PDB file of N, CA and C in Angstrom:
ATOM      1  N   MET A   1      10.247  22.194   5.204  1.00  0.00           N
ATOM      2  CA  MET A   1       9.801  21.865   6.539  1.00  0.00           C
ATOM      3  C   MET A   1      10.852  21.000   7.230  1.00  0.00           C
ATOM      4  N   VAL A   2      11.175  21.329   8.424  1.00  0.00           N
ATOM      5  CA  VAL A   2      12.121  20.532   9.194  1.00  0.00           C
ATOM      6  C   VAL A   2      11.396  19.317   9.747  1.00  0.00           C
ATOM      7  N   GLY A   3      11.987  18.132   9.532  1.00  0.00           N
ATOM      8  CA  GLY A   3      11.400  16.912  10.062  1.00  0.00           C
ATOM      9  C   GLY A   3      10.135  16.459   9.346  1.00  0.00           C
ATOM     10  N   ALA A   4       9.874  17.016   8.193  1.00  0.00           N
ATOM     11  CA  ALA A   4       8.657  16.649   7.472  1.00  0.00           C
ATOM     12  C   ALA A   4       8.754  15.216   6.972  1.00  0.00           C
ATOM     13  N   SER A   5       7.697  14.478   7.163  1.00  0.00           N
ATOM     14  CA  SER A   5       7.667  13.080   6.733  1.00  0.00           C
ATOM     15  C   SER A   5       7.315  13.000   5.258  1.00  0.00           C
ATOM     16  N   ARG A   6       7.923  12.069   4.586  1.00  0.00           N
ATOM     17  CA  ARG A   6       7.629  11.841   3.179  1.00  0.00           C
ATOM     18  C   ARG A   6       7.150  10.410   2.989  1.00  0.00           C
ATOM     19  N   CYS A   7       6.506   9.886   4.028  1.00  0.00           N
ATOM     20  CA  CYS A   7       5.985   8.539   3.943  1.00  0.00           C
ATOM     21  C   CYS A   7       4.716   8.458   4.783  1.00  0.00           C
ATOM     22  N   ILE A   8       3.943   7.425   4.537  1.00  0.00           N
ATOM     23  CA  ILE A   8       2.707   7.192   5.267  1.00  0.00           C
ATOM     24  C   ILE A   8       2.884   5.918   6.072  1.00  0.00           C
ATOM     25  N   ASN A   9       2.608   5.975   7.357  1.00  0.00           N
ATOM     26  CA  ASN A   9       2.660   4.775   8.190  1.00  0.00           C
ATOM     27  C   ASN A   9       1.292   4.116   8.163  1.00  0.00           C
ATOM     28  N   LEU A  10       1.271   2.843   7.859  1.00  0.00           N
ATOM     29  CA  LEU A  10       0.020   2.111   7.784  1.00  0.00           C
ATOM     30  C   LEU A  10      -0.111   1.193   8.990  1.00  0.00           C
ATOM     31  N   THR A  11      -0.944   1.573   9.939  1.00  0.00           N
ATOM     32  CA  THR A  11      -1.097   0.749  11.128  1.00  0.00           C
ATOM     33  C   THR A  11      -2.423   0.014  11.137  1.00  0.00           C
ATOM     34  N   THR A  12      -3.250   0.219  10.134  1.00  0.00           N
ATOM     35  CA  THR A  12      -4.539  -0.466  10.098  1.00  0.00           C
ATOM     36  C   THR A  12      -4.471  -1.768   9.314  1.00  0.00           C
ATOM     37  N   PHE A  13      -3.368  -2.036   8.636  1.00  0.00           N
ATOM     38  CA  PHE A  13      -3.214  -3.269   7.878  1.00  0.00           C
ATOM     39  C   PHE A  13      -2.827  -4.404   8.821  1.00  0.00           C
ATOM     40  N   ALA A  14      -3.031  -5.623   8.379  1.00  0.00           N
ATOM     41  CA  ALA A  14      -2.627  -6.786   9.176  1.00  0.00           C
ATOM     42  C   ALA A  14      -1.130  -6.722   9.460  1.00  0.00           C
ATOM     43  N   GLN A  15      -0.363  -6.319   8.467  1.00  0.00           N
ATOM     44  CA  GLN A  15       1.068  -6.099   8.661  1.00  0.00           C
ATOM     45  C   GLN A  15       1.304  -4.602   8.604  1.00  0.00           C
ATOM     46  N   VAL A  16       2.021  -4.095   9.571  1.00  0.00           N
ATOM     47  CA  VAL A  16       2.333  -2.671   9.563  1.00  0.00           C
ATOM     48  C   VAL A  16       3.223  -2.403   8.371  1.00  0.00           C
ATOM     49  N   GLY A  17       3.003  -1.295   7.700  1.00  0.00           N
ATOM     50  CA  GLY A  17       3.794  -0.984   6.524  1.00  0.00           C
ATOM     51  C   GLY A  17       4.053   0.499   6.378  1.00  0.00           C
ATOM     52  N   VAL A  18       4.934   0.828   5.444  1.00  0.00           N
ATOM     53  CA  VAL A  18       5.260   2.208   5.126  1.00  0.00           C
ATOM     54  C   VAL A  18       5.196   2.352   3.619  1.00  0.00           C
ATOM     55  N   ILE A  19       4.570   3.426   3.161  1.00  0.00           N
ATOM     56  CA  ILE A  19       4.586   3.754   1.743  1.00  0.00           C
ATOM     57  C   ILE A  19       5.424   5.017   1.580  1.00  0.00           C
ATOM     58  N   HIS A  20       6.513   4.892   0.842  1.00  0.00           N
ATOM     59  CA  HIS A  20       7.349   6.054   0.518  1.00  0.00           C
ATOM     60  C   HIS A  20       6.754   6.673  -0.741  1.00  0.00           C
ATOM     61  N   TYR A  21       6.030   7.766  -0.587  1.00  0.00           N
ATOM     62  CA  TYR A  21       5.442   8.410  -1.756  1.00  0.00           C
ATOM     63  C   TYR A  21       6.368   9.450  -2.358  1.00  0.00           C
ATOM     64  N   GLU A  22       7.471   9.723  -1.673  1.00  0.00           N
ATOM     65  CA  GLU A  22       8.534  10.564  -2.215  1.00  0.00           C
ATOM     66  C   GLU A  22       9.842   9.840  -1.937  1.00  0.00           C
ATOM     67  N   ILE A  23      10.585   9.530  -2.980  1.00  0.00           N
ATOM     68  CA  ILE A  23      11.797   8.723  -2.814  1.00  0.00           C
ATOM     69  C   ILE A  23      12.823   9.495  -1.993  1.00  0.00           C
ATOM     70  N   PRO A  24      13.376   8.862  -0.958  1.00  0.00           N
ATOM     71  CA  PRO A  24      14.411   9.530  -0.163  1.00  0.00           C
ATOM     72  C   PRO A  24      15.670   9.752  -1.002  1.00  0.00           C
ATOM     73  N   ASN A  25      16.390  10.817  -0.708  1.00  0.00           N
ATOM     74  CA  ASN A  25      17.618  11.119  -1.446  1.00  0.00           C
ATOM     75  C   ASN A  25      18.828  10.363  -0.917  1.00  0.00           C
ATOM     76  N   ASP A  26      18.697   9.769   0.252  1.00  0.00           N
ATOM     77  CA  ASP A  26      19.837   9.056   0.807  1.00  0.00           C
ATOM     78  C   ASP A  26      19.365   7.761   1.464  1.00  0.00           C
ATOM     79  N   PRO A  27      20.230   6.756   1.496  1.00  0.00           N
ATOM     80  CA  PRO A  27      19.875   5.450   2.052  1.00  0.00           C
ATOM     81  C   PRO A  27      19.487   5.499   3.526  1.00  0.00           C
ATOM     82  N   GLU A  28      20.147   6.377   4.305  1.00  0.00           N
ATOM     83  CA  GLU A  28      19.867   6.441   5.737  1.00  0.00           C
ATOM     84  C   GLU A  28      18.415   6.829   5.994  1.00  0.00           C
ATOM     85  N   THR A  29      17.895   7.762   5.217  1.00  0.00           N
ATOM     86  CA  THR A  29      16.501   8.186   5.374  1.00  0.00           C
ATOM     87  C   THR A  29      15.564   7.048   5.012  1.00  0.00           C
ATOM     88  N   PHE A  30      15.893   6.325   3.946  1.00  0.00           N
ATOM     89  CA  PHE A  30      15.068   5.181   3.555  1.00  0.00           C
ATOM     90  C   PHE A  30      15.027   4.142   4.673  1.00  0.00           C
ATOM     91  N   VAL A  31      16.190   3.825   5.229  1.00  0.00           N
ATOM     92  CA  VAL A  31      16.259   2.826   6.302  1.00  0.00           C
ATOM     93  C   VAL A  31      15.490   3.307   7.527  1.00  0.00           C
ATOM     94  N   HIS A  32      15.639   4.580   7.881  1.00  0.00           N
ATOM     95  CA  HIS A  32      14.939   5.127   9.040  1.00  0.00           C
ATOM     96  C   HIS A  32      13.432   5.014   8.866  1.00  0.00           C
ATOM     97  N   ARG A  33      12.935   5.459   7.720  1.00  0.00           N
ATOM     98  CA  ARG A  33      11.489   5.405   7.475  1.00  0.00           C
ATOM     99  C   ARG A  33      10.988   3.969   7.379  1.00  0.00           C
ATOM    100  N   SER A  34      11.728   3.132   6.698  1.00  0.00           N
ATOM    101  CA  SER A  34      11.308   1.737   6.522  1.00  0.00           C
ATOM    102  C   SER A  34      11.387   0.967   7.827  1.00  0.00           C
ATOM    103  N   GLY A  35      12.244   1.402   8.724  1.00  0.00           N
ATOM    104  CA  GLY A  35      12.372   0.737  10.012  1.00  0.00           C
ATOM    105  C   GLY A  35      11.086   0.732  10.797  1.00  0.00           C
ATOM    106  N   ARG A  36      10.175   1.603  10.464  1.00  0.00           N
ATOM    107  CA  ARG A  36       8.880   1.651  11.140  1.00  0.00           C
ATOM    108  C   ARG A  36       8.034   0.423  10.839  1.00  0.00           C
ATOM    109  N   THR A  37       8.434  -0.351   9.838  1.00  0.00           N
ATOM    110  CA  THR A  37       7.669  -1.556   9.501  1.00  0.00           C
ATOM    111  C   THR A  37       7.950  -2.691  10.459  1.00  0.00           C
ATOM    112  N   GLY A  38       9.058  -2.634  11.184  1.00  0.00           N
ATOM    113  CA  GLY A  38       9.461  -3.769  12.008  1.00  0.00           C
ATOM    114  C   GLY A  38       9.537  -3.456  13.486  1.00  0.00           C
ATOM    115  N   ARG A  39       8.559  -2.781  14.006  1.00  0.00           N
ATOM    116  CA  ARG A  39       8.559  -2.448  15.426  1.00  0.00           C
ATOM    117  C   ARG A  39       8.194  -3.660  16.279  1.00  0.00           C
ATOM    118  N   ALA A  40       8.776  -3.746  17.435  1.00  0.00           N
ATOM    119  CA  ALA A  40       8.466  -4.785  18.426  1.00  0.00           C
ATOM    120  C   ALA A  40       8.590  -6.189  17.847  1.00  0.00           C
ATOM    121  N   GLY A  41       9.590  -6.398  16.993  1.00  0.00           N
ATOM    122  CA  GLY A  41       9.826  -7.730  16.451  1.00  0.00           C
ATOM    123  C   GLY A  41       8.867  -8.148  15.361  1.00  0.00           C
ATOM    124  N   LYS A  42       7.999  -7.255  14.918  1.00  0.00           N
ATOM    125  CA  LYS A  42       7.044  -7.597  13.865  1.00  0.00           C
ATOM    126  C   LYS A  42       7.674  -7.355  12.501  1.00  0.00           C
ATOM    127  N   GLU A  43       7.110  -8.022  11.498  1.00  0.00           N
ATOM    128  CA  GLU A  43       7.565  -7.811  10.130  1.00  0.00           C
ATOM    129  C   GLU A  43       6.565  -6.920   9.421  1.00  0.00           C
ATOM    130  N   GLY A  44       7.018  -6.236   8.399  1.00  0.00           N
ATOM    131  CA  GLY A  44       6.135  -5.370   7.638  1.00  0.00           C
ATOM    132  C   GLY A  44       6.658  -5.194   6.235  1.00  0.00           C
ATOM    133  N   THR A  45       5.991  -4.361   5.496  1.00  0.00           N
ATOM    134  CA  THR A  45       6.336  -4.125   4.105  1.00  0.00           C
ATOM    135  C   THR A  45       6.550  -2.637   3.880  1.00  0.00           C
ATOM    136  N   ALA A  46       7.599  -2.294   3.165  1.00  0.00           N
ATOM    137  CA  ALA A  46       7.845  -0.921   2.755  1.00  0.00           C
ATOM    138  C   ALA A  46       7.627  -0.847   1.251  1.00  0.00           C
ATOM    139  N   ILE A  47       6.826   0.102   0.832  1.00  0.00           N
ATOM    140  CA  ILE A  47       6.544   0.301  -0.593  1.00  0.00           C
ATOM    141  C   ILE A  47       7.193   1.610  -1.009  1.00  0.00           C
ATOM    142  N   LEU A  48       7.926   1.572  -2.098  1.00  0.00           N
ATOM    143  CA  LEU A  48       8.622   2.754  -2.602  1.00  0.00           C
ATOM    144  C   LEU A  48       8.055   3.088  -3.976  1.00  0.00           C
ATOM    145  N   MET A  49       7.427   4.245  -4.086  1.00  0.00           N
ATOM    146  CA  MET A  49       6.908   4.688  -5.386  1.00  0.00           C
ATOM    147  C   MET A  49       7.923   5.648  -5.995  1.00  0.00           C
ATOM    148  N   TYR A  50       8.214   5.420  -7.266  1.00  0.00           N
ATOM    149  CA  TYR A  50       9.198   6.274  -7.920  1.00  0.00           C
ATOM    150  C   TYR A  50       8.855   6.392  -9.404  1.00  0.00           C
ATOM    151  N   SER A  51       9.367   7.453 -10.019  1.00  0.00           N
ATOM    152  CA  SER A  51       9.154   7.682 -11.449  1.00  0.00           C
ATOM    153  C   SER A  51      10.362   7.163 -12.227  1.00  0.00           C
ATOM    154  N   ASP A  52      10.238   7.148 -13.533  1.00  0.00           N
ATOM    155  CA  ASP A  52      11.354   6.716 -14.377  1.00  0.00           C
ATOM    156  C   ASP A  52      12.601   7.566 -14.121  1.00  0.00           C
ATOM    157  N   ARG A  53      12.399   8.858 -13.864  1.00  0.00           N
ATOM    158  CA  ARG A  53      13.531   9.758 -13.610  1.00  0.00           C
ATOM    159  C   ARG A  53      14.248   9.412 -12.316  1.00  0.00           C
ATOM    160  N   GLN A  54      13.579   8.714 -11.407  1.00  0.00           N
ATOM    161  CA  GLN A  54      14.164   8.393 -10.108  1.00  0.00           C
ATOM    162  C   GLN A  54      14.746   6.980 -10.037  1.00  0.00           C
ATOM    163  N   THR A  55      14.768   6.285 -11.153  1.00  0.00           N
ATOM    164  CA  THR A  55      15.266   4.913 -11.174  1.00  0.00           C
ATOM    165  C   THR A  55      16.702   4.826 -10.675  1.00  0.00           C
ATOM    166  N   ARG A  56      17.536   5.758 -11.069  1.00  0.00           N
ATOM    167  CA  ARG A  56      18.938   5.743 -10.634  1.00  0.00           C
ATOM    168  C   ARG A  56      19.024   5.862  -9.112  1.00  0.00           C
ATOM    169  N   THR A  57      18.260   6.769  -8.525  1.00  0.00           N
ATOM    170  CA  THR A  57      18.265   6.937  -7.068  1.00  0.00           C
ATOM    171  C   THR A  57      17.786   5.668  -6.383  1.00  0.00           C
ATOM    172  N   MET A  58      16.751   5.050  -6.935  1.00  0.00           N
ATOM    173  CA  MET A  58      16.217   3.808  -6.370  1.00  0.00           C
ATOM    174  C   MET A  58      17.285   2.719  -6.409  1.00  0.00           C
ATOM    175  N   ARG A  59      18.009   2.612  -7.500  1.00  0.00           N
ATOM    176  CA  ARG A  59      19.057   1.590  -7.608  1.00  0.00           C
ATOM    177  C   ARG A  59      20.218   1.868  -6.649  1.00  0.00           C
ATOM    178  N   LEU A  60      20.532   3.142  -6.431  1.00  0.00           N
ATOM    179  CA  LEU A  60      21.575   3.485  -5.464  1.00  0.00           C
ATOM    180  C   LEU A  60      21.148   3.085  -4.047  1.00  0.00           C
ATOM    181  N   ILE A  61      19.884   3.280  -3.733  1.00  0.00           N
ATOM    182  CA  ILE A  61      19.387   2.864  -2.414  1.00  0.00           C
ATOM    183  C   ILE A  61      19.496   1.349  -2.286  1.00  0.00           C
ATOM    184  N   GLU A  62      19.106   0.624  -3.321  1.00  0.00           N
ATOM    185  CA  GLU A  62      19.243  -0.843  -3.302  1.00  0.00           C
ATOM    186  C   GLU A  62      20.692  -1.243  -3.013  1.00  0.00           C
ATOM    187  N   ARG A  63      21.603  -0.631  -3.728  1.00  0.00           N
ATOM    188  CA  ARG A  63      23.021  -0.975  -3.582  1.00  0.00           C
ATOM    189  C   ARG A  63      23.535  -0.627  -2.195  1.00  0.00           C
ATOM    190  N   ASP A  64      23.258   0.580  -1.747  1.00  0.00           N
ATOM    191  CA  ASP A  64      23.799   1.046  -0.464  1.00  0.00           C
ATOM    192  C   ASP A  64      23.184   0.333   0.732  1.00  0.00           C
ATOM    193  N   VAL A  65      21.912  -0.015   0.636  1.00  0.00           N
ATOM    194  CA  VAL A  65      21.228  -0.669   1.748  1.00  0.00           C
ATOM    195  C   VAL A  65      21.437  -2.179   1.697  1.00  0.00           C
ATOM    196  N   GLY A  66      21.716  -2.700   0.498  1.00  0.00           N
ATOM    197  CA  GLY A  66      21.919  -4.139   0.352  1.00  0.00           C
ATOM    198  C   GLY A  66      20.615  -4.905   0.248  1.00  0.00           C
ATOM    199  N   CYS A  67      19.638  -4.290  -0.386  1.00  0.00           N
ATOM    200  CA  CYS A  67      18.353  -4.965  -0.576  1.00  0.00           C
ATOM    201  C   CYS A  67      18.019  -4.984  -2.061  1.00  0.00           C
ATOM    202  N   LYS A  68      17.058  -5.775  -2.414  1.00  0.00           N
ATOM    203  CA  LYS A  68      16.592  -5.850  -3.800  1.00  0.00           C
ATOM    204  C   LYS A  68      15.087  -5.655  -3.778  1.00  0.00           C
ATOM    205  N   PHE A  69      14.617  -4.593  -4.415  1.00  0.00           N
ATOM    206  CA  PHE A  69      13.195  -4.310  -4.459  1.00  0.00           C
ATOM    207  C   PHE A  69      12.496  -5.233  -5.452  1.00  0.00           C
ATOM    208  N   THR A  70      11.293  -5.629  -5.118  1.00  0.00           N
ATOM    209  CA  THR A  70      10.440  -6.344  -6.061  1.00  0.00           C
ATOM    210  C   THR A  70       9.664  -5.275  -6.827  1.00  0.00           C
ATOM    211  N   ARG A  71       9.838  -5.262  -8.127  1.00  0.00           N
ATOM    212  CA  ARG A  71       9.194  -4.222  -8.935  1.00  0.00           C
ATOM    213  C   ARG A  71       7.845  -4.704  -9.459  1.00  0.00           C
ATOM    214  N   ILE A  72       6.854  -3.853  -9.262  1.00  0.00           N
ATOM    215  CA  ILE A  72       5.527  -4.107  -9.824  1.00  0.00           C
ATOM    216  C   ILE A  72       5.053  -2.821 -10.474  1.00  0.00           C
ATOM    217  N   GLY A  73       4.230  -2.947 -11.469  1.00  0.00           N
ATOM    218  CA  GLY A  73       3.705  -1.782 -12.151  1.00  0.00           C
ATOM    219  C   GLY A  73       2.501  -1.213 -11.415  1.00  0.00           C
ATOM    220  N   ALA A  74       2.056  -0.092 -11.904  1.00  0.00           N
ATOM    221  CA  ALA A  74       0.845   0.513 -11.348  1.00  0.00           C
ATOM    222  C   ALA A  74      -0.343  -0.401 -11.645  1.00  0.00           C
ATOM    223  N   PRO A  75      -1.349  -0.388 -10.791  1.00  0.00           N
ATOM    224  CA  PRO A  75      -2.516  -1.243 -11.042  1.00  0.00           C
ATOM    225  C   PRO A  75      -3.261  -0.798 -12.299  1.00  0.00           C
ATOM    226  N   ARG A  76      -3.851  -1.769 -12.960  1.00  0.00           N
ATOM    227  CA  ARG A  76      -4.662  -1.455 -14.136  1.00  0.00           C
ATOM    228  C   ARG A  76      -5.991  -0.866 -13.674  1.00  0.00           C
ATOM    229  N   VAL A  77      -6.614  -0.084 -14.519  1.00  0.00           N
ATOM    230  CA  VAL A  77      -7.906   0.527 -14.194  1.00  0.00           C
ATOM    231  C   VAL A  77      -8.907  -0.547 -13.799  1.00  0.00           C
ATOM    232  N   GLU A  78      -8.913  -1.660 -14.510  1.00  0.00           N
ATOM    233  CA  GLU A  78      -9.850  -2.745 -14.213  1.00  0.00           C
ATOM    234  C   GLU A  78      -9.651  -3.290 -12.805  1.00  0.00           C
ATOM    235  N   ASP A  79      -8.387  -3.406 -12.393  1.00  0.00           N
ATOM    236  CA  ASP A  79      -8.088  -3.912 -11.052  1.00  0.00           C
ATOM    237  C   ASP A  79      -8.570  -2.947  -9.971  1.00  0.00           C
ATOM    238  N   VAL A  80      -8.377  -1.654 -10.206  1.00  0.00           N
ATOM    239  CA  VAL A  80      -8.824  -0.643  -9.239  1.00  0.00           C
ATOM    240  C   VAL A  80     -10.350  -0.651  -9.147  1.00  0.00           C
ATOM    241  N   LEU A  81     -11.026  -0.727 -10.284  1.00  0.00           N
ATOM    242  CA  LEU A  81     -12.489  -0.758 -10.280  1.00  0.00           C
ATOM    243  C   LEU A  81     -13.021  -2.000  -9.569  1.00  0.00           C
ATOM    244  N   LYS A  82     -12.395  -3.140  -9.806  1.00  0.00           N
ATOM    245  CA  LYS A  82     -12.829  -4.379  -9.163  1.00  0.00           C
ATOM    246  C   LYS A  82     -12.646  -4.288  -7.649  1.00  0.00           C
ATOM    247  N   ALA A  83     -11.481  -3.831  -7.218  1.00  0.00           N
ATOM    248  CA  ALA A  83     -11.216  -3.716  -5.780  1.00  0.00           C
ATOM    249  C   ALA A  83     -12.159  -2.713  -5.129  1.00  0.00           C
ATOM    250  N   SER A  84     -12.425  -1.604  -5.816  1.00  0.00           N
ATOM    251  CA  SER A  84     -13.334  -0.596  -5.272  1.00  0.00           C
ATOM    252  C   SER A  84     -14.748  -1.129  -5.159  1.00  0.00           C
ATOM    253  N   SER A  85     -15.209  -1.862  -6.163  1.00  0.00           N
ATOM    254  CA  SER A  85     -16.576  -2.392  -6.119  1.00  0.00           C
ATOM    255  C   SER A  85     -16.701  -3.470  -5.052  1.00  0.00           C
ATOM    256  N   GLU A  86     -15.670  -4.291  -4.876  1.00  0.00           N
ATOM    257  CA  GLU A  86     -15.701  -5.306  -3.820  1.00  0.00           C
ATOM    258  C   GLU A  86     -15.730  -4.663  -2.443  1.00  0.00           C
ATOM    259  N   SER A  87     -14.966  -3.602  -2.277  1.00  0.00           N
ATOM    260  CA  SER A  87     -14.935  -2.888  -1.000  1.00  0.00           C
ATOM    261  C   SER A  87     -16.281  -2.232  -0.714  1.00  0.00           C
ATOM    262  N   ALA A  88     -16.852  -1.584  -1.726  1.00  0.00           N
ATOM    263  CA  ALA A  88     -18.156  -0.933  -1.557  1.00  0.00           C
ATOM    264  C   ALA A  88     -19.234  -1.959  -1.248  1.00  0.00           C
ATOM    265  N   THR A  89     -19.204  -3.089  -1.911  1.00  0.00           N
ATOM    266  CA  THR A  89     -20.184  -4.160  -1.666  1.00  0.00           C
ATOM    267  C   THR A  89     -20.086  -4.653  -0.229  1.00  0.00           C
ATOM    268  N   ALA A  90     -18.879  -4.827   0.266  1.00  0.00           N
ATOM    269  CA  ALA A  90     -18.691  -5.285   1.642  1.00  0.00           C
ATOM    270  C   ALA A  90     -19.258  -4.279   2.639  1.00  0.00           C
ATOM    271  N   VAL A  91     -19.057  -2.996   2.386  1.00  0.00           N
ATOM    272  CA  VAL A  91     -19.592  -1.958   3.277  1.00  0.00           C
ATOM    273  C   VAL A  91     -21.109  -1.962   3.243  1.00  0.00           C
ATOM    274  N   ILE A  92     -21.676  -2.068   2.068  1.00  0.00           N
ATOM    275  CA  ILE A  92     -23.140  -2.069   1.924  1.00  0.00           C
ATOM    276  C   ILE A  92     -23.746  -3.265   2.645  1.00  0.00           C
ATOM    277  N   LYS A  93     -23.091  -4.406   2.570  1.00  0.00           N
ATOM    278  CA  LYS A  93     -23.608  -5.616   3.227  1.00  0.00           C
ATOM    279  C   LYS A  93     -23.624  -5.485   4.741  1.00  0.00           C
ATOM    280  N   ARG A  94     -22.822  -4.588   5.286  1.00  0.00           N
ATOM    281  CA  ARG A  94     -22.789  -4.399   6.735  1.00  0.00           C
ATOM    282  C   ARG A  94     -23.891  -3.464   7.237  1.00  0.00           C
ATOM    283  N   VAL A  95     -24.573  -2.777   6.335  1.00  0.00           N
ATOM    284  CA  VAL A  95     -25.646  -1.860   6.734  1.00  0.00           C
ATOM    285  C   VAL A  95     -26.860  -2.688   7.161  1.00  0.00           C
ATOM    286  N   HIS A  96     -27.424  -2.317   8.302  1.00  0.00           N
ATOM    287  CA  HIS A  96     -28.602  -3.020   8.808  1.00  0.00           C
ATOM    288  C   HIS A  96     -29.726  -2.929   7.782  1.00  0.00           C
ATOM    289  N   ARG A  97     -30.433  -4.032   7.581  1.00  0.00           N
ATOM    290  CA  ARG A  97     -31.463  -4.136   6.561  1.00  0.00           C
ATOM    291  C   ARG A  97     -32.509  -3.031   6.654  1.00  0.00           C
ATOM    292  N   GLU A  98     -32.945  -2.713   7.855  1.00  0.00           N
ATOM    293  CA  GLU A  98     -33.981  -1.680   8.024  1.00  0.00           C
ATOM    294  C   GLU A  98     -33.470  -0.312   7.592  1.00  0.00           C
ATOM    295  N   LEU A  99     -32.203  -0.030   7.865  1.00  0.00           N
ATOM    296  CA  LEU A  99     -31.630   1.238   7.431  1.00  0.00           C
ATOM    297  C   LEU A  99     -31.461   1.265   5.914  1.00  0.00           C
ATOM    298  N   ALA A 100     -31.086   0.143   5.331  1.00  0.00           N
ATOM    299  CA  ALA A 100     -30.893   0.076   3.890  1.00  0.00           C
ATOM    300  C   ALA A 100     -32.194   0.374   3.151  1.00  0.00           C
ATOM    301  N   GLU A 101     -33.315  -0.068   3.713  1.00  0.00           N
ATOM    302  CA  GLU A 101     -34.612   0.167   3.059  1.00  0.00           C
ATOM    303  C   GLU A 101     -34.936   1.642   2.942  1.00  0.00           C
ATOM    304  N   VAL A 102     -34.438   2.469   3.864  1.00  0.00           N
ATOM    305  CA  VAL A 102     -34.658   3.919   3.806  1.00  0.00           C
ATOM    306  C   VAL A 102     -34.042   4.506   2.551  1.00  0.00           C
ATOM    307  N   PHE A 103     -32.926   3.962   2.131  1.00  0.00           N
ATOM    308  CA  PHE A 103     -32.195   4.496   0.991  1.00  0.00           C
ATOM    309  C   PHE A 103     -32.531   3.821  -0.336  1.00  0.00           C
ATOM    310  N   MET A 104     -33.317   2.769  -0.292  1.00  0.00           N
ATOM    311  CA  MET A 104     -33.647   2.052  -1.526  1.00  0.00           C
ATOM    312  C   MET A 104     -34.907   2.567  -2.154  1.00  0.00           C
TER     313      MET A 104
END
């Protein structure tokens, strides 16, 4: 696909961000996509997901762009379950009491 995006723009977060779910093959593409995090003088976060096979490409991007990525591992199952249950609880608490009784 011509012009196909390989990242997700996050505009609903407090800080605008970009998640690169497919590692760019060249630094210019990474900079272009990540530049969406800093529109109108705002700061944001770019997240780059990569596999072990892509570590070399990720390091080349670091070198060529002159940045240093903070590496974190994938979330643990327990962390995902906790975050999901907290999110679901918050949504349930927003349901009007009379409507909630219909479903209980």
